PDB file of N, CA and C in Angstrom:
ATOM      1  N   MET A   1     -71.612 -52.047  43.443  1.00  0.00           N
ATOM      2  CA  MET A   1     -71.879 -53.407  43.841  1.00  0.00           C
ATOM      3  C   MET A   1     -72.891 -53.389  44.984  1.00  0.00           C
ATOM      4  N   GLU A   2     -73.876 -54.263  44.896  1.00  0.00           N
ATOM      5  CA  GLU A   2     -74.934 -54.260  45.899  1.00  0.00           C
ATOM      6  C   GLU A   2     -74.411 -54.673  47.272  1.00  0.00           C
ATOM      7  N   LYS A   3     -75.158 -54.321  48.289  1.00  0.00           N
ATOM      8  CA  LYS A   3     -74.761 -54.558  49.671  1.00  0.00           C
ATOM      9  C   LYS A   3     -74.534 -56.044  49.965  1.00  0.00           C
ATOM     10  N   ALA A   4     -75.344 -56.913  49.394  1.00  0.00           N
ATOM     11  CA  ALA A   4     -75.240 -58.346  49.664  1.00  0.00           C
ATOM     12  C   ALA A   4     -73.930 -58.934  49.142  1.00  0.00           C
ATOM     13  N   TYR A   5     -73.284 -58.251  48.222  1.00  0.00           N
ATOM     14  CA  TYR A   5     -72.044 -58.749  47.621  1.00  0.00           C
ATOM     15  C   TYR A   5     -70.792 -58.226  48.331  1.00  0.00           C
ATOM     16  N   ARG A   6     -70.959 -57.407  49.362  1.00  0.00           N
ATOM     17  CA  ARG A   6     -69.819 -56.768  50.001  1.00  0.00           C
ATOM     18  C   ARG A   6     -69.442 -57.434  51.311  1.00  0.00           C
ATOM     19  N   ILE A   7     -68.153 -57.375  51.619  1.00  0.00           N
ATOM     20  CA  ILE A   7     -67.655 -57.743  52.938  1.00  0.00           C
ATOM     21  C   ILE A   7     -67.123 -56.453  53.544  1.00  0.00           C
ATOM     22  N   LYS A   8     -67.690 -56.022  54.664  1.00  0.00           N
ATOM     23  CA  LYS A   8     -67.296 -54.759  55.274  1.00  0.00           C
ATOM     24  C   LYS A   8     -66.803 -54.913  56.708  1.00  0.00           C
ATOM     25  N   LYS A   9     -67.338 -55.887  57.439  1.00  0.00           N
ATOM     26  CA  LYS A   9     -67.019 -56.010  58.862  1.00  0.00           C
ATOM     27  C   LYS A   9     -65.611 -56.561  59.063  1.00  0.00           C
ATOM     28  N   ASN A  10     -64.915 -55.990  60.029  1.00  0.00           N
ATOM     29  CA  ASN A  10     -63.575 -56.445  60.367  1.00  0.00           C
ATOM     30  C   ASN A  10     -63.587 -57.915  60.791  1.00  0.00           C
ATOM     31  N   SER A  11     -64.625 -58.334  61.501  1.00  0.00           N
ATOM     32  CA  SER A  11     -64.701 -59.729  61.955  1.00  0.00           C
ATOM     33  C   SER A  11     -64.791 -60.689  60.770  1.00  0.00           C
ATOM     34  N   ASP A  12     -65.514 -60.285  59.719  1.00  0.00           N
ATOM     35  CA  ASP A  12     -65.599 -61.114  58.504  1.00  0.00           C
ATOM     36  C   ASP A  12     -64.237 -61.207  57.825  1.00  0.00           C
ATOM     37  N   PHE A  13     -63.537 -60.074  57.737  1.00  0.00           N
ATOM     38  CA  PHE A  13     -62.202 -60.068  57.144  1.00  0.00           C
ATOM     39  C   PHE A  13     -61.271 -60.999  57.934  1.00  0.00           C
ATOM     40  N   GLN A  14     -61.289 -60.887  59.248  1.00  0.00           N
ATOM     41  CA  GLN A  14     -60.386 -61.680  60.083  1.00  0.00           C
ATOM     42  C   GLN A  14     -60.681 -63.174  59.957  1.00  0.00           C
ATOM     43  N   ALA A  15     -61.960 -63.537  59.879  1.00  0.00           N
ATOM     44  CA  ALA A  15     -62.332 -64.948  59.737  1.00  0.00           C
ATOM     45  C   ALA A  15     -61.815 -65.513  58.412  1.00  0.00           C
ATOM     46  N   ILE A  16     -61.899 -64.722  57.360  1.00  0.00           N
ATOM     47  CA  ILE A  16     -61.424 -65.189  56.052  1.00  0.00           C
ATOM     48  C   ILE A  16     -59.900 -65.282  56.049  1.00  0.00           C
ATOM     49  N   TYR A  17     -59.217 -64.318  56.671  1.00  0.00           N
ATOM     50  CA  TYR A  17     -57.758 -64.375  56.764  1.00  0.00           C
ATOM     51  C   TYR A  17     -57.313 -65.632  57.512  1.00  0.00           C
ATOM     52  N   LYS A  18     -58.007 -65.961  58.612  1.00  0.00           N
ATOM     53  CA  LYS A  18     -57.590 -67.084  59.447  1.00  0.00           C
ATOM     54  C   LYS A  18     -57.926 -68.438  58.827  1.00  0.00           C
ATOM     55  N   LYS A  19     -59.153 -68.569  58.298  1.00  0.00           N
ATOM     56  CA  LYS A  19     -59.623 -69.879  57.849  1.00  0.00           C
ATOM     57  C   LYS A  19     -59.574 -70.072  56.340  1.00  0.00           C
ATOM     58  N   GLY A  20     -59.332 -69.002  55.603  1.00  0.00           N
ATOM     59  CA  GLY A  20     -59.349 -69.102  54.147  1.00  0.00           C
ATOM     60  C   GLY A  20     -58.011 -69.502  53.566  1.00  0.00           C
ATOM     61  N   LYS A  21     -58.006 -69.661  52.253  1.00  0.00           N
ATOM     62  CA  LYS A  21     -56.783 -69.979  51.518  1.00  0.00           C
ATOM     63  C   LYS A  21     -56.340 -68.744  50.755  1.00  0.00           C
ATOM     64  N   SER A  22     -55.035 -68.614  50.535  1.00  0.00           N
ATOM     65  CA  SER A  22     -54.553 -67.446  49.805  1.00  0.00           C
ATOM     66  C   SER A  22     -53.731 -67.860  48.599  1.00  0.00           C
ATOM     67  N   VAL A  23     -53.861 -67.058  47.546  1.00  0.00           N
ATOM     68  CA  VAL A  23     -53.012 -67.173  46.363  1.00  0.00           C
ATOM     69  C   VAL A  23     -52.590 -65.759  45.997  1.00  0.00           C
ATOM     70  N   ALA A  24     -51.486 -65.656  45.269  1.00  0.00           N
ATOM     71  CA  ALA A  24     -50.984 -64.315  44.969  1.00  0.00           C
ATOM     72  C   ALA A  24     -50.235 -64.296  43.652  1.00  0.00           C
ATOM     73  N   ASN A  25     -50.174 -63.122  43.069  1.00  0.00           N
ATOM     74  CA  ASN A  25     -49.231 -62.835  41.998  1.00  0.00           C
ATOM     75  C   ASN A  25     -48.544 -61.532  42.390  1.00  0.00           C
ATOM     76  N   ARG A  26     -47.854 -60.917  41.472  1.00  0.00           N
ATOM     77  CA  ARG A  26     -47.070 -59.731  41.790  1.00  0.00           C
ATOM     78  C   ARG A  26     -47.936 -58.549  42.247  1.00  0.00           C
ATOM     79  N   GLN A  27     -49.150 -58.433  41.707  1.00  0.00           N
ATOM     80  CA  GLN A  27     -49.979 -57.260  41.964  1.00  0.00           C
ATOM     81  C   GLN A  27     -51.056 -57.460  43.033  1.00  0.00           C
ATOM     82  N   PHE A  28     -51.522 -58.703  43.228  1.00  0.00           N
ATOM     83  CA  PHE A  28     -52.658 -58.936  44.121  1.00  0.00           C
ATOM     84  C   PHE A  28     -52.462 -60.179  44.976  1.00  0.00           C
ATOM     85  N   VAL A  29     -53.051 -60.142  46.167  1.00  0.00           N
ATOM     86  CA  VAL A  29     -53.193 -61.324  47.021  1.00  0.00           C
ATOM     87  C   VAL A  29     -54.694 -61.559  47.139  1.00  0.00           C
ATOM     88  N   VAL A  30     -55.119 -62.803  46.955  1.00  0.00           N
ATOM     89  CA  VAL A  30     -56.540 -63.131  47.032  1.00  0.00           C
ATOM     90  C   VAL A  30     -56.739 -64.197  48.099  1.00  0.00           C
ATOM     91  N   TYR A  31     -57.568 -63.895  49.080  1.00  0.00           N
ATOM     92  CA  TYR A  31     -57.977 -64.857  50.100  1.00  0.00           C
ATOM     93  C   TYR A  31     -59.372 -65.347  49.745  1.00  0.00           C
ATOM     94  N   THR A  32     -59.591 -66.656  49.831  1.00  0.00           N
ATOM     95  CA  THR A  32     -60.912 -67.218  49.540  1.00  0.00           C
ATOM     96  C   THR A  32     -61.338 -68.140  50.682  1.00  0.00           C
ATOM     97  N   LYS A  33     -62.632 -68.156  50.925  1.00  0.00           N
ATOM     98  CA  LYS A  33     -63.194 -69.037  51.943  1.00  0.00           C
ATOM     99  C   LYS A  33     -64.576 -69.480  51.475  1.00  0.00           C
ATOM    100  N   VAL A  34     -64.803 -70.769  51.482  1.00  0.00           N
ATOM    101  CA  VAL A  34     -66.097 -71.312  51.058  1.00  0.00           C
ATOM    102  C   VAL A  34     -67.123 -71.050  52.147  1.00  0.00           C
ATOM    103  N   ASN A  35     -68.298 -70.589  51.736  1.00  0.00           N
ATOM    104  CA  ASN A  35     -69.405 -70.371  52.662  1.00  0.00           C
ATOM    105  C   ASN A  35     -70.636 -71.014  52.046  1.00  0.00           C
ATOM    106  N   LYS A  36     -71.074 -72.107  52.602  1.00  0.00           N
ATOM    107  CA  LYS A  36     -72.178 -72.877  52.030  1.00  0.00           C
ATOM    108  C   LYS A  36     -73.524 -72.163  52.126  1.00  0.00           C
ATOM    109  N   GLU A  37     -73.621 -71.163  52.999  1.00  0.00           N
ATOM    110  CA  GLU A  37     -74.883 -70.456  53.183  1.00  0.00           C
ATOM    111  C   GLU A  37     -75.150 -69.447  52.070  1.00  0.00           C
ATOM    112  N   LEU A  38     -74.118 -69.109  51.299  1.00  0.00           N
ATOM    113  CA  LEU A  38     -74.253 -68.076  50.268  1.00  0.00           C
ATOM    114  C   LEU A  38     -74.791 -68.639  48.963  1.00  0.00           C
ATOM    115  N   SER A  39     -75.538 -67.811  48.250  1.00  0.00           N
ATOM    116  CA  SER A  39     -75.976 -68.185  46.899  1.00  0.00           C
ATOM    117  C   SER A  39     -75.182 -67.407  45.846  1.00  0.00           C
ATOM    118  N   HIS A  40     -74.289 -66.527  46.292  1.00  0.00           N
ATOM    119  CA  HIS A  40     -73.461 -65.725  45.392  1.00  0.00           C
ATOM    120  C   HIS A  40     -72.156 -65.393  46.104  1.00  0.00           C
ATOM    121  N   PHE A  41     -71.202 -64.828  45.374  1.00  0.00           N
ATOM    122  CA  PHE A  41     -69.929 -64.474  45.987  1.00  0.00           C
ATOM    123  C   PHE A  41     -70.060 -63.206  46.823  1.00  0.00           C
ATOM    124  N   ARG A  42     -69.111 -63.001  47.752  1.00  0.00           N
ATOM    125  CA  ARG A  42     -68.996 -61.751  48.507  1.00  0.00           C
ATOM    126  C   ARG A  42     -67.563 -61.265  48.345  1.00  0.00           C
ATOM    127  N   LEU A  43     -67.407 -59.954  48.234  1.00  0.00           N
ATOM    128  CA  LEU A  43     -66.108 -59.372  47.930  1.00  0.00           C
ATOM    129  C   LEU A  43     -65.701 -58.335  48.965  1.00  0.00           C
ATOM    130  N   GLY A  44     -64.455 -58.437  49.407  1.00  0.00           N
ATOM    131  CA  GLY A  44     -63.840 -57.418  50.248  1.00  0.00           C
ATOM    132  C   GLY A  44     -62.580 -56.942  49.550  1.00  0.00           C
ATOM    133  N   ILE A  45     -62.337 -55.638  49.575  1.00  0.00           N
ATOM    134  CA  ILE A  45     -61.175 -55.060  48.907  1.00  0.00           C
ATOM    135  C   ILE A  45     -60.351 -54.301  49.926  1.00  0.00           C
ATOM    136  N   SER A  46     -59.038 -54.509  49.876  1.00  0.00           N
ATOM    137  CA  SER A  46     -58.129 -53.808  50.772  1.00  0.00           C
ATOM    138  C   SER A  46     -56.996 -53.202  49.953  1.00  0.00           C
ATOM    139  N   VAL A  47     -56.861 -51.878  50.044  1.00  0.00           N
ATOM    140  CA  VAL A  47     -55.768 -51.169  49.378  1.00  0.00           C
ATOM    141  C   VAL A  47     -55.116 -50.282  50.434  1.00  0.00           C
ATOM    142  N   SER A  48     -53.874 -50.557  50.744  1.00  0.00           N
ATOM    143  CA  SER A  48     -53.167 -49.871  51.815  1.00  0.00           C
ATOM    144  C   SER A  48     -52.835 -48.428  51.460  1.00  0.00           C
ATOM    145  N   LYS A  49     -52.703 -47.592  52.479  1.00  0.00           N
ATOM    146  CA  LYS A  49     -52.287 -46.209  52.267  1.00  0.00           C
ATOM    147  C   LYS A  49     -50.863 -46.122  51.741  1.00  0.00           C
ATOM    148  N   LYS A  50     -50.080 -47.164  51.936  1.00  0.00           N
ATOM    149  CA  LYS A  50     -48.708 -47.191  51.433  1.00  0.00           C
ATOM    150  C   LYS A  50     -48.668 -47.172  49.909  1.00  0.00           C
ATOM    151  N   ILE A  51     -49.748 -47.606  49.276  1.00  0.00           N
ATOM    152  CA  ILE A  51     -49.782 -47.683  47.806  1.00  0.00           C
ATOM    153  C   ILE A  51     -49.886 -46.296  47.184  1.00  0.00           C
ATOM    154  N   GLY A  52     -50.615 -45.393  47.816  1.00  0.00           N
ATOM    155  CA  GLY A  52     -50.739 -44.056  47.255  1.00  0.00           C
ATOM    156  C   GLY A  52     -51.814 -43.259  47.960  1.00  0.00           C
ATOM    157  N   ASN A  53     -52.087 -42.090  47.392  1.00  0.00           N
ATOM    158  CA  ASN A  53     -53.115 -41.236  47.994  1.00  0.00           C
ATOM    159  C   ASN A  53     -54.512 -41.772  47.676  1.00  0.00           C
ATOM    160  N   ALA A  54     -55.541 -41.088  48.139  1.00  0.00           N
ATOM    161  CA  ALA A  54     -56.915 -41.565  48.001  1.00  0.00           C
ATOM    162  C   ALA A  54     -57.322 -41.730  46.545  1.00  0.00           C
ATOM    163  N   VAL A  55     -56.837 -40.863  45.677  1.00  0.00           N
ATOM    164  CA  VAL A  55     -57.187 -40.934  44.260  1.00  0.00           C
ATOM    165  C   VAL A  55     -56.682 -42.248  43.663  1.00  0.00           C
ATOM    166  N   VAL A  56     -55.448 -42.591  43.956  1.00  0.00           N
ATOM    167  CA  VAL A  56     -54.843 -43.821  43.432  1.00  0.00           C
ATOM    168  C   VAL A  56     -55.546 -45.044  44.007  1.00  0.00           C
ATOM    169  N   ARG A  57     -55.785 -45.049  45.315  1.00  0.00           N
ATOM    170  CA  ARG A  57     -56.431 -46.195  45.961  1.00  0.00           C
ATOM    171  C   ARG A  57     -57.840 -46.411  45.433  1.00  0.00           C
ATOM    172  N   ASN A  58     -58.597 -45.336  45.269  1.00  0.00           N
ATOM    173  CA  ASN A  58     -59.963 -45.461  44.759  1.00  0.00           C
ATOM    174  C   ASN A  58     -59.988 -45.926  43.310  1.00  0.00           C
ATOM    175  N   ARG A  59     -59.007 -45.509  42.501  1.00  0.00           N
ATOM    176  CA  ARG A  59     -58.936 -45.955  41.103  1.00  0.00           C
ATOM    177  C   ARG A  59     -58.705 -47.465  41.049  1.00  0.00           C
ATOM    178  N   ILE A  60     -57.834 -47.962  41.907  1.00  0.00           N
ATOM    179  CA  ILE A  60     -57.569 -49.403  41.965  1.00  0.00           C
ATOM    180  C   ILE A  60     -58.821 -50.156  42.412  1.00  0.00           C
ATOM    181  N   LYS A  61     -59.498 -49.641  43.447  1.00  0.00           N
ATOM    182  CA  LYS A  61     -60.713 -50.298  43.947  1.00  0.00           C
ATOM    183  C   LYS A  61     -61.817 -50.316  42.894  1.00  0.00           C
ATOM    184  N   ARG A  62     -61.967 -49.222  42.158  1.00  0.00           N
ATOM    185  CA  ARG A  62     -62.974 -49.185  41.087  1.00  0.00           C
ATOM    186  C   ARG A  62     -62.675 -50.223  40.014  1.00  0.00           C
ATOM    187  N   ALA A  63     -61.405 -50.357  39.650  1.00  0.00           N
ATOM    188  CA  ALA A  63     -61.019 -51.331  38.623  1.00  0.00           C
ATOM    189  C   ALA A  63     -61.283 -52.763  39.108  1.00  0.00           C
ATOM    190  N   ILE A  64     -61.007 -53.032  40.378  1.00  0.00           N
ATOM    191  CA  ILE A  64     -61.267 -54.366  40.942  1.00  0.00           C
ATOM    192  C   ILE A  64     -62.771 -54.659  40.939  1.00  0.00           C
ATOM    193  N   ARG A  65     -63.569 -53.691  41.409  1.00  0.00           N
ATOM    194  CA  ARG A  65     -65.024 -53.871  41.425  1.00  0.00           C
ATOM    195  C   ARG A  65     -65.576 -54.095  40.026  1.00  0.00           C
ATOM    196  N   GLU A  66     -65.074 -53.347  39.060  1.00  0.00           N
ATOM    197  CA  GLU A  66     -65.536 -53.479  37.669  1.00  0.00           C
ATOM    198  C   GLU A  66     -65.247 -54.888  37.146  1.00  0.00           C
ATOM    199  N   ASN A  67     -64.083 -55.421  37.474  1.00  0.00           N
ATOM    200  CA  ASN A  67     -63.738 -56.774  37.049  1.00  0.00           C
ATOM    201  C   ASN A  67     -64.714 -57.797  37.623  1.00  0.00           C
ATOM    202  N   PHE A  68     -65.108 -57.617  38.881  1.00  0.00           N
ATOM    203  CA  PHE A  68     -66.046 -58.551  39.490  1.00  0.00           C
ATOM    204  C   PHE A  68     -67.454 -58.388  38.924  1.00  0.00           C
ATOM    205  N   LYS A  69     -67.833 -57.175  38.523  1.00  0.00           N
ATOM    206  CA  LYS A  69     -69.133 -56.981  37.874  1.00  0.00           C
ATOM    207  C   LYS A  69     -69.183 -57.696  36.531  1.00  0.00           C
ATOM    208  N   VAL A  70     -68.080 -57.640  35.795  1.00  0.00           N
ATOM    209  CA  VAL A  70     -68.013 -58.302  34.489  1.00  0.00           C
ATOM    210  C   VAL A  70     -68.150 -59.818  34.643  1.00  0.00           C
ATOM    211  N   HIS A  71     -67.536 -60.389  35.676  1.00  0.00           N
ATOM    212  CA  HIS A  71     -67.526 -61.840  35.878  1.00  0.00           C
ATOM    213  C   HIS A  71     -68.541 -62.303  36.926  1.00  0.00           C
ATOM    214  N   LYS A  72     -69.536 -61.486  37.206  1.00  0.00           N
ATOM    215  CA  LYS A  72     -70.514 -61.767  38.255  1.00  0.00           C
ATOM    216  C   LYS A  72     -71.150 -63.155  38.122  1.00  0.00           C
ATOM    217  N   GLU A  73     -71.519 -63.537  36.913  1.00  0.00           N
ATOM    218  CA  GLU A  73     -72.206 -64.810  36.677  1.00  0.00           C
ATOM    219  C   GLU A  73     -71.237 -65.997  36.660  1.00  0.00           C
ATOM    220  N   ASP A  74     -69.945 -65.740  36.485  1.00  0.00           N
ATOM    221  CA  ASP A  74     -68.966 -66.816  36.310  1.00  0.00           C
ATOM    222  C   ASP A  74     -68.329 -67.274  37.615  1.00  0.00           C
ATOM    223  N   LEU A  75     -68.619 -66.596  38.727  1.00  0.00           N
ATOM    224  CA  LEU A  75     -67.954 -66.905  39.996  1.00  0.00           C
ATOM    225  C   LEU A  75     -68.784 -67.844  40.855  1.00  0.00           C
ATOM    226  N   ILE A  76     -68.108 -68.762  41.535  1.00  0.00           N
ATOM    227  CA  ILE A  76     -68.795 -69.665  42.445  1.00  0.00           C
ATOM    228  C   ILE A  76     -69.158 -68.906  43.728  1.00  0.00           C
ATOM    229  N   PRO A  77     -70.149 -69.381  44.503  1.00  0.00           N
ATOM    230  CA  PRO A  77     -70.502 -68.692  45.751  1.00  0.00           C
ATOM    231  C   PRO A  77     -69.409 -68.883  46.799  1.00  0.00           C
ATOM    232  N   ILE A  78     -68.589 -67.879  46.958  1.00  0.00           N
ATOM    233  CA  ILE A  78     -67.422 -67.944  47.819  1.00  0.00           C
ATOM    234  C   ILE A  78     -67.141 -66.542  48.363  1.00  0.00           C
ATOM    235  N   GLU A  79     -66.475 -66.468  49.498  1.00  0.00           N
ATOM    236  CA  GLU A  79     -66.079 -65.170  50.041  1.00  0.00           C
ATOM    237  C   GLU A  79     -64.662 -64.870  49.569  1.00  0.00           C
ATOM    238  N   ILE A  80     -64.446 -63.679  49.027  1.00  0.00           N
ATOM    239  CA  ILE A  80     -63.174 -63.312  48.410  1.00  0.00           C
ATOM    240  C   ILE A  80     -62.697 -61.985  48.991  1.00  0.00           C
ATOM    241  N   ILE A  81     -61.422 -61.937  49.358  1.00  0.00           N
ATOM    242  CA  ILE A  81     -60.786 -60.674  49.728  1.00  0.00           C
ATOM    243  C   ILE A  81     -59.637 -60.443  48.756  1.00  0.00           C
ATOM    244  N   VAL A  82     -59.607 -59.261  48.162  1.00  0.00           N
ATOM    245  CA  VAL A  82     -58.533 -58.893  47.249  1.00  0.00           C
ATOM    246  C   VAL A  82     -57.697 -57.809  47.916  1.00  0.00           C
ATOM    247  N   ILE A  83     -56.393 -58.062  48.021  1.00  0.00           N
ATOM    248  CA  ILE A  83     -55.465 -57.084  48.584  1.00  0.00           C
ATOM    249  C   ILE A  83     -54.543 -56.633  47.454  1.00  0.00           C
ATOM    250  N   ALA A  84     -54.515 -55.336  47.216  1.00  0.00           N
ATOM    251  CA  ALA A  84     -53.665 -54.796  46.160  1.00  0.00           C
ATOM    252  C   ALA A  84     -52.251 -54.606  46.694  1.00  0.00           C
ATOM    253  N   ARG A  85     -51.274 -54.960  45.867  1.00  0.00           N
ATOM    254  CA  ARG A  85     -49.869 -54.747  46.207  1.00  0.00           C
ATOM    255  C   ARG A  85     -49.348 -53.517  45.468  1.00  0.00           C
ATOM    256  N   HIS A  86     -48.150 -53.115  45.809  1.00  0.00           N
ATOM    257  CA  HIS A  86     -47.574 -51.870  45.294  1.00  0.00           C
ATOM    258  C   HIS A  86     -47.526 -51.758  43.768  1.00  0.00           C
ATOM    259  N   PRO A  87     -47.166 -52.810  42.997  1.00  0.00           N
ATOM    260  CA  PRO A  87     -47.106 -52.661  41.531  1.00  0.00           C
ATOM    261  C   PRO A  87     -48.446 -52.320  40.879  1.00  0.00           C
ATOM    262  N   ALA A  88     -49.561 -52.533  41.581  1.00  0.00           N
ATOM    263  CA  ALA A  88     -50.879 -52.261  41.009  1.00  0.00           C
ATOM    264  C   ALA A  88     -51.108 -50.773  40.774  1.00  0.00           C
ATOM    265  N   LYS A  89     -50.381 -49.913  41.475  1.00  0.00           N
ATOM    266  CA  LYS A  89     -50.628 -48.472  41.345  1.00  0.00           C
ATOM    267  C   LYS A  89     -50.206 -47.926  39.990  1.00  0.00           C
ATOM    268  N   ASP A  90     -49.283 -48.600  39.313  1.00  0.00           N
ATOM    269  CA  ASP A  90     -48.800 -48.128  38.018  1.00  0.00           C
ATOM    270  C   ASP A  90     -49.547 -48.744  36.843  1.00  0.00           C
ATOM    271  N   MET A  91     -50.570 -49.546  37.118  1.00  0.00           N
ATOM    272  CA  MET A  91     -51.289 -50.253  36.059  1.00  0.00           C
ATOM    273  C   MET A  91     -52.561 -49.509  35.674  1.00  0.00           C
ATOM    274  N   ASP A  92     -52.958 -49.668  34.396  1.00  0.00           N
ATOM    275  CA  ASP A  92     -54.249 -49.116  33.985  1.00  0.00           C
ATOM    276  C   ASP A  92     -55.334 -50.174  34.231  1.00  0.00           C
ATOM    277  N   THR A  93     -56.577 -49.818  33.944  1.00  0.00           N
ATOM    278  CA  THR A  93     -57.710 -50.692  34.270  1.00  0.00           C
ATOM    279  C   THR A  93     -57.626 -52.047  33.576  1.00  0.00           C
ATOM    280  N   LEU A  94     -57.244 -52.071  32.305  1.00  0.00           N
ATOM    281  CA  LEU A  94     -57.168 -53.335  31.575  1.00  0.00           C
ATOM    282  C   LEU A  94     -56.057 -54.233  32.121  1.00  0.00           C
ATOM    283  N   GLN A  95     -54.941 -53.652  32.509  1.00  0.00           N
ATOM    284  CA  GLN A  95     -53.860 -54.443  33.096  1.00  0.00           C
ATOM    285  C   GLN A  95     -54.273 -55.003  34.450  1.00  0.00           C
ATOM    286  N   ILE A  96     -54.973 -54.190  35.233  1.00  0.00           N
ATOM    287  CA  ILE A  96     -55.481 -54.663  36.524  1.00  0.00           C
ATOM    288  C   ILE A  96     -56.447 -55.820  36.304  1.00  0.00           C
ATOM    289  N   GLN A  97     -57.319 -55.688  35.308  1.00  0.00           N
ATOM    290  CA  GLN A  97     -58.298 -56.729  35.022  1.00  0.00           C
ATOM    291  C   GLN A  97     -57.614 -58.040  34.632  1.00  0.00           C
ATOM    292  N   SER A  98     -56.627 -57.984  33.748  1.00  0.00           N
ATOM    293  CA  SER A  98     -55.968 -59.225  33.319  1.00  0.00           C
ATOM    294  C   SER A  98     -55.177 -59.854  34.467  1.00  0.00           C
ATOM    295  N   SER A  99     -54.522 -59.036  35.290  1.00  0.00           N
ATOM    296  CA  SER A  99     -53.769 -59.556  36.422  1.00  0.00           C
ATOM    297  C   SER A  99     -54.697 -60.189  37.454  1.00  0.00           C
ATOM    298  N   LEU A 100     -55.831 -59.548  37.694  1.00  0.00           N
ATOM    299  CA  LEU A 100     -56.796 -60.076  38.656  1.00  0.00           C
ATOM    300  C   LEU A 100     -57.417 -61.376  38.144  1.00  0.00           C
ATOM    301  N   GLU A 101     -57.741 -61.439  36.852  1.00  0.00           N
ATOM    302  CA  GLU A 101     -58.264 -62.681  36.275  1.00  0.00           C
ATOM    303  C   GLU A 101     -57.251 -63.806  36.432  1.00  0.00           C
ATOM    304  N   HIS A 102     -55.975 -63.493  36.238  1.00  0.00           N
ATOM    305  CA  HIS A 102     -54.918 -64.496  36.380  1.00  0.00           C
ATOM    306  C   HIS A 102     -54.894 -65.076  37.791  1.00  0.00           C
ATOM    307  N   VAL A 103     -54.912 -64.217  38.800  1.00  0.00           N
ATOM    308  CA  VAL A 103     -54.836 -64.704  40.177  1.00  0.00           C
ATOM    309  C   VAL A 103     -56.143 -65.396  40.584  1.00  0.00           C
ATOM    310  N   LEU A 104     -57.275 -64.980  40.041  1.00  0.00           N
ATOM    311  CA  LEU A 104     -58.545 -65.651  40.344  1.00  0.00           C
ATOM    312  C   LEU A 104     -58.602 -67.040  39.708  1.00  0.00           C
ATOM    313  N   LYS A 105     -57.988 -67.212  38.538  1.00  0.00           N
ATOM    314  CA  LYS A 105     -57.905 -68.545  37.925  1.00  0.00           C
ATOM    315  C   LYS A 105     -57.067 -69.473  38.792  1.00  0.00           C
ATOM    316  N   ILE A 106     -55.985 -68.950  39.341  1.00  0.00           N
ATOM    317  CA  ILE A 106     -55.144 -69.749  40.235  1.00  0.00           C
ATOM    318  C   ILE A 106     -55.943 -70.150  41.475  1.00  0.00           C
ATOM    319  N   ALA A 107     -56.779 -69.242  41.966  1.00  0.00           N
ATOM    320  CA  ALA A 107     -57.596 -69.503  43.158  1.00  0.00           C
ATOM    321  C   ALA A 107     -58.788 -70.409  42.858  1.00  0.00           C
ATOM    322  N   LYS A 108     -59.046 -70.679  41.584  1.00  0.00           N
ATOM    323  CA  LYS A 108     -60.143 -71.569  41.147  1.00  0.00           C
ATOM    324  C   LYS A 108     -61.508 -71.099  41.649  1.00  0.00           C
ATOM    325  N   VAL A 109     -61.850 -69.850  41.372  1.00  0.00           N
ATOM    326  CA  VAL A 109     -63.147 -69.324  41.792  1.00  0.00           C
ATOM    327  C   VAL A 109     -64.136 -69.182  40.624  1.00  0.00           C
ATOM    328  N   PHE A 110     -63.719 -69.559  39.431  1.00  0.00           N
ATOM    329  CA  PHE A 110     -64.606 -69.468  38.276  1.00  0.00           C
ATOM    330  C   PHE A 110     -65.394 -70.762  38.090  1.00  0.00           C
ATOM    331  N   ASN A 111     -66.674 -70.629  37.673  1.00  0.00           N
ATOM    332  CA  ASN A 111     -67.524 -71.775  37.379  1.00  0.00           C
ATOM    333  C   ASN A 111     -67.029 -72.547  36.177  1.00  0.00           C
ATOM    334  N   LYS A 112     -66.609 -71.816  35.148  1.00  0.00           N
ATOM    335  CA  LYS A 112     -66.232 -72.427  33.872  1.00  0.00           C
ATOM    336  C   LYS A 112     -64.959 -71.796  33.381  1.00  0.00           C
ATOM    337  N   LYS A 113     -64.489 -72.271  32.246  1.00  0.00           N
ATOM    338  CA  LYS A 113     -63.245 -71.756  31.668  1.00  0.00           C
ATOM    339  C   LYS A 113     -63.424 -70.320  31.217  1.00  0.00           C
ATOM    340  N   ILE A 114     -62.514 -69.452  31.614  1.00  0.00           N
ATOM    341  CA  ILE A 114     -62.518 -68.045  31.195  1.00  0.00           C
ATOM    342  C   ILE A 114     -61.267 -67.788  30.383  1.00  0.00           C
TER     343      ILE A 114
END
């Protein structure tokens, strides 16, 4: 994912946590915050060390990033933070994708019906 699409700074994360809205399902928590200055979405991913070792955490992050690449054109310009919960470690990529799509639909970040 290109640099312009990433959220990396702690201050950006904290601002979205404080001022954004959150929705969740069993596997993911999604924080969203509207930013009128953006022409595209920005994504931050958080996977705790409690979920597993580096291999497991990176596999989850790759699956999340892949889902956002697939839906790149369908997302409104918004700042999004995805936090993985413990049940996500036992899921394969397709299950992660369907669960993430479900929580993103609840968060209403899609331009059109998916």
